[in-house]
Amino acid sequence: MRSPRSLVGGSPAAAYEITFDGCELPALPGQSVAAVLWGAGVLAWRTTREGGAPRGAFCGIGSCYDCLVTVNGRPNQRACLVPARPGDAVTTQEGTGRADLAV
């Protein structure tokens, strides 16, 4: 059976790992943070400001902001748009992701 990869003759670059809430997850070059999380079976990675309801990806194109995560200490990153990089530390975002900032 012919596959897209066999037609172009390419092969994927080496896999690497990112962490999500302290758990190591496999990632491939070119994947977004959301794709890595989906691939690991993680469907929710933030909670709403009011009520703490779980959220994950909704639109998948960066329009809805449901997929916000904290990446390497930076809150409010759209998981569907942020490319996963080797060693990234991704954490669940609770509310606005700025609970540690005195406002």
C-alpha atoms as a PDB file:
ATOM      1  CA  MET A   1       0.000   0.000   0.000  1.00  0.00           C
ATOM      2  CA  ARG A   2       1.295   3.442  -0.896  1.00  0.00           C
ATOM      3  CA  SER A   3       1.329   6.155   1.717  1.00  0.00           C
ATOM      4  CA  PRO A   4       2.057   9.870   1.446  1.00  0.00           C
ATOM      5  CA  ARG A   5       5.424   9.225   3.090  1.00  0.00           C
ATOM      6  CA  SER A   6       6.354   6.545   0.558  1.00  0.00           C
ATOM      7  CA  LEU A   7       5.398   8.853  -2.310  1.00  0.00           C
ATOM      8  CA  VAL A   8       7.712  11.638  -1.154  1.00  0.00           C
ATOM      9  CA  GLY A   9      10.408   9.424   0.245  1.00  0.00           C
ATOM     10  CA  GLY A  10      10.631  11.349   3.468  1.00  0.00           C
ATOM     11  CA  SER A  11      10.981  10.128   6.978  1.00  0.00           C
ATOM     12  CA  PRO A  12      10.120  11.853  10.239  1.00  0.00           C
ATOM     13  CA  ALA A  13      12.801  13.544  12.273  1.00  0.00           C
ATOM     14  CA  ALA A  14      13.611  12.106  15.667  1.00  0.00           C
ATOM     15  CA  ALA A  15      10.934  12.233  18.344  1.00  0.00           C
ATOM     16  CA  TYR A  16      11.520  14.143  21.555  1.00  0.00           C
ATOM     17  CA  GLU A  17       9.671  14.730  24.806  1.00  0.00           C
ATOM     18  CA  ILE A  18       7.780  17.547  26.429  1.00  0.00           C
ATOM     19  CA  THR A  19       6.213  17.466  29.872  1.00  0.00           C
ATOM     20  CA  PHE A  20       2.606  18.128  30.731  1.00  0.00           C
ATOM     21  CA  ASP A  21       1.900  18.663  34.409  1.00  0.00           C
ATOM     22  CA  GLY A  22       5.101  16.741  35.124  1.00  0.00           C
ATOM     23  CA  CYS A  23       4.349  13.744  32.862  1.00  0.00           C
ATOM     24  CA  GLU A  24       6.630  13.107  29.900  1.00  0.00           C
ATOM     25  CA  LEU A  25       4.856  12.938  26.532  1.00  0.00           C
ATOM     26  CA  PRO A  26       6.320  11.981  23.148  1.00  0.00           C
ATOM     27  CA  ALA A  27       6.308  14.664  20.460  1.00  0.00           C
ATOM     28  CA  LEU A  28       7.291  14.833  16.806  1.00  0.00           C
ATOM     29  CA  PRO A  29       8.764  17.822  15.000  1.00  0.00           C
ATOM     30  CA  GLY A  30       6.034  20.021  13.567  1.00  0.00           C
ATOM     31  CA  GLN A  31       3.382  19.106  16.122  1.00  0.00           C
ATOM     32  CA  SER A  32       1.575  21.796  18.040  1.00  0.00           C
ATOM     33  CA  VAL A  33       1.265  21.502  21.799  1.00  0.00           C
ATOM     34  CA  ALA A  34      -2.416  20.603  21.275  1.00  0.00           C
ATOM     35  CA  ALA A  35      -1.480  17.795  18.861  1.00  0.00           C
ATOM     36  CA  VAL A  36       0.957  16.340  21.389  1.00  0.00           C
ATOM     37  CA  LEU A  37      -1.682  16.479  24.124  1.00  0.00           C
ATOM     38  CA  TRP A  38      -4.364  14.938  21.899  1.00  0.00           C
ATOM     39  CA  GLY A  39      -1.944  12.207  20.852  1.00  0.00           C
ATOM     40  CA  ALA A  40      -1.425  11.359  24.523  1.00  0.00           C
ATOM     41  CA  GLY A  41      -5.173  11.225  25.158  1.00  0.00           C
ATOM     42  CA  VAL A  42      -5.316  14.519  27.059  1.00  0.00           C
ATOM     43  CA  LEU A  43      -8.543  16.303  26.120  1.00  0.00           C
ATOM     44  CA  ALA A  44      -8.697  19.112  28.699  1.00  0.00           C
ATOM     45  CA  TRP A  45      -5.831  21.335  29.803  1.00  0.00           C
ATOM     46  CA  ARG A  46      -7.318  24.479  31.263  1.00  0.00           C
ATOM     47  CA  THR A  47     -10.144  25.508  33.542  1.00  0.00           C
ATOM     48  CA  THR A  48     -12.502  28.428  33.148  1.00  0.00           C
ATOM     49  CA  ARG A  49     -12.172  31.565  35.278  1.00  0.00           C
ATOM     50  CA  GLU A  50     -15.566  31.093  36.831  1.00  0.00           C
ATOM     51  CA  GLY A  51     -16.624  27.637  37.851  1.00  0.00           C
ATOM     52  CA  GLY A  52     -13.401  25.816  36.975  1.00  0.00           C
ATOM     53  CA  ALA A  53     -14.971  23.920  34.050  1.00  0.00           C
ATOM     54  CA  PRO A  54     -12.465  21.896  31.981  1.00  0.00           C
ATOM     55  CA  ARG A  55     -11.562  23.091  28.486  1.00  0.00           C
ATOM     56  CA  GLY A  56      -9.334  21.843  25.684  1.00  0.00           C
ATOM     57  CA  ALA A  57      -9.258  22.503  21.970  1.00  0.00           C
ATOM     58  CA  PHE A  58     -12.470  23.666  20.356  1.00  0.00           C
ATOM     59  CA  CYS A  59     -11.767  25.352  17.026  1.00  0.00           C
ATOM     60  CA  GLY A  60      -8.183  24.175  16.513  1.00  0.00           C
ATOM     61  CA  ILE A  61      -7.240  27.318  14.542  1.00  0.00           C
ATOM     62  CA  GLY A  62      -6.557  29.856  17.280  1.00  0.00           C
ATOM     63  CA  SER A  63      -9.843  31.749  17.157  1.00  0.00           C
ATOM     64  CA  CYS A  64     -11.634  30.621  20.302  1.00  0.00           C
ATOM     65  CA  TYR A  65      -8.995  30.693  23.074  1.00  0.00           C
ATOM     66  CA  ASP A  66     -10.391  27.533  24.691  1.00  0.00           C
ATOM     67  CA  CYS A  67      -7.029  25.775  24.406  1.00  0.00           C
ATOM     68  CA  LEU A  68      -4.960  28.103  26.599  1.00  0.00           C
ATOM     69  CA  VAL A  69      -2.025  26.542  28.458  1.00  0.00           C
ATOM     70  CA  THR A  70       1.028  27.721  30.308  1.00  0.00           C
ATOM     71  CA  VAL A  71       4.218  26.915  28.371  1.00  0.00           C
ATOM     72  CA  ASN A  72       7.568  27.306  30.107  1.00  0.00           C
ATOM     73  CA  GLY A  73       5.971  29.593  32.682  1.00  0.00           C
ATOM     74  CA  ARG A  74       4.199  31.807  30.124  1.00  0.00           C
ATOM     75  CA  PRO A  75       0.412  31.704  30.595  1.00  0.00           C
ATOM     76  CA  ASN A  76      -2.260  32.211  27.949  1.00  0.00           C
ATOM     77  CA  GLN A  77      -0.529  30.340  25.120  1.00  0.00           C
ATOM     78  CA  ARG A  78      -2.876  28.860  22.514  1.00  0.00           C
ATOM     79  CA  ALA A  79      -1.958  25.177  22.413  1.00  0.00           C
ATOM     80  CA  CYS A  80      -3.290  24.778  18.876  1.00  0.00           C
ATOM     81  CA  LEU A  81      -0.857  27.404  17.554  1.00  0.00           C
ATOM     82  CA  VAL A  82       2.261  26.953  19.709  1.00  0.00           C
ATOM     83  CA  PRO A  83       4.757  24.512  18.198  1.00  0.00           C
ATOM     84  CA  ALA A  84       5.986  21.926  20.682  1.00  0.00           C
ATOM     85  CA  ARG A  85       9.731  22.199  21.278  1.00  0.00           C
ATOM     86  CA  PRO A  86      12.044  19.669  22.919  1.00  0.00           C
ATOM     87  CA  GLY A  87      11.965  20.051  26.680  1.00  0.00           C
ATOM     88  CA  ASP A  88       8.905  22.310  26.840  1.00  0.00           C
ATOM     89  CA  ALA A  89       7.177  22.318  30.218  1.00  0.00           C
ATOM     90  CA  VAL A  90       3.440  22.642  29.634  1.00  0.00           C
ATOM     91  CA  THR A  91       1.071  22.982  32.575  1.00  0.00           C
ATOM     92  CA  THR A  92      -2.666  23.144  33.011  1.00  0.00           C
ATOM     93  CA  GLN A  93      -3.842  26.722  33.060  1.00  0.00           C
ATOM     94  CA  GLU A  94      -6.310  27.597  35.754  1.00  0.00           C
ATOM     95  CA  GLY A  95      -8.500  30.609  35.025  1.00  0.00           C
ATOM     96  CA  THR A  96      -6.467  33.467  33.577  1.00  0.00           C
ATOM     97  CA  GLY A  97      -3.164  31.754  34.284  1.00  0.00           C
ATOM     98  CA  ARG A  98      -1.976  34.686  36.352  1.00  0.00           C
ATOM     99  CA  ALA A  99      -2.882  33.592  39.865  1.00  0.00           C
ATOM    100  CA  ASP A 100       0.665  34.213  41.082  1.00  0.00           C
ATOM    101  CA  LEU A 101       0.608  37.863  39.998  1.00  0.00           C
ATOM    102  CA  ALA A 102      -0.637  40.378  42.540  1.00  0.00           C
ATOM    103  CA  VAL A 103      -3.074  42.616  40.687  1.00  0.00           C
END
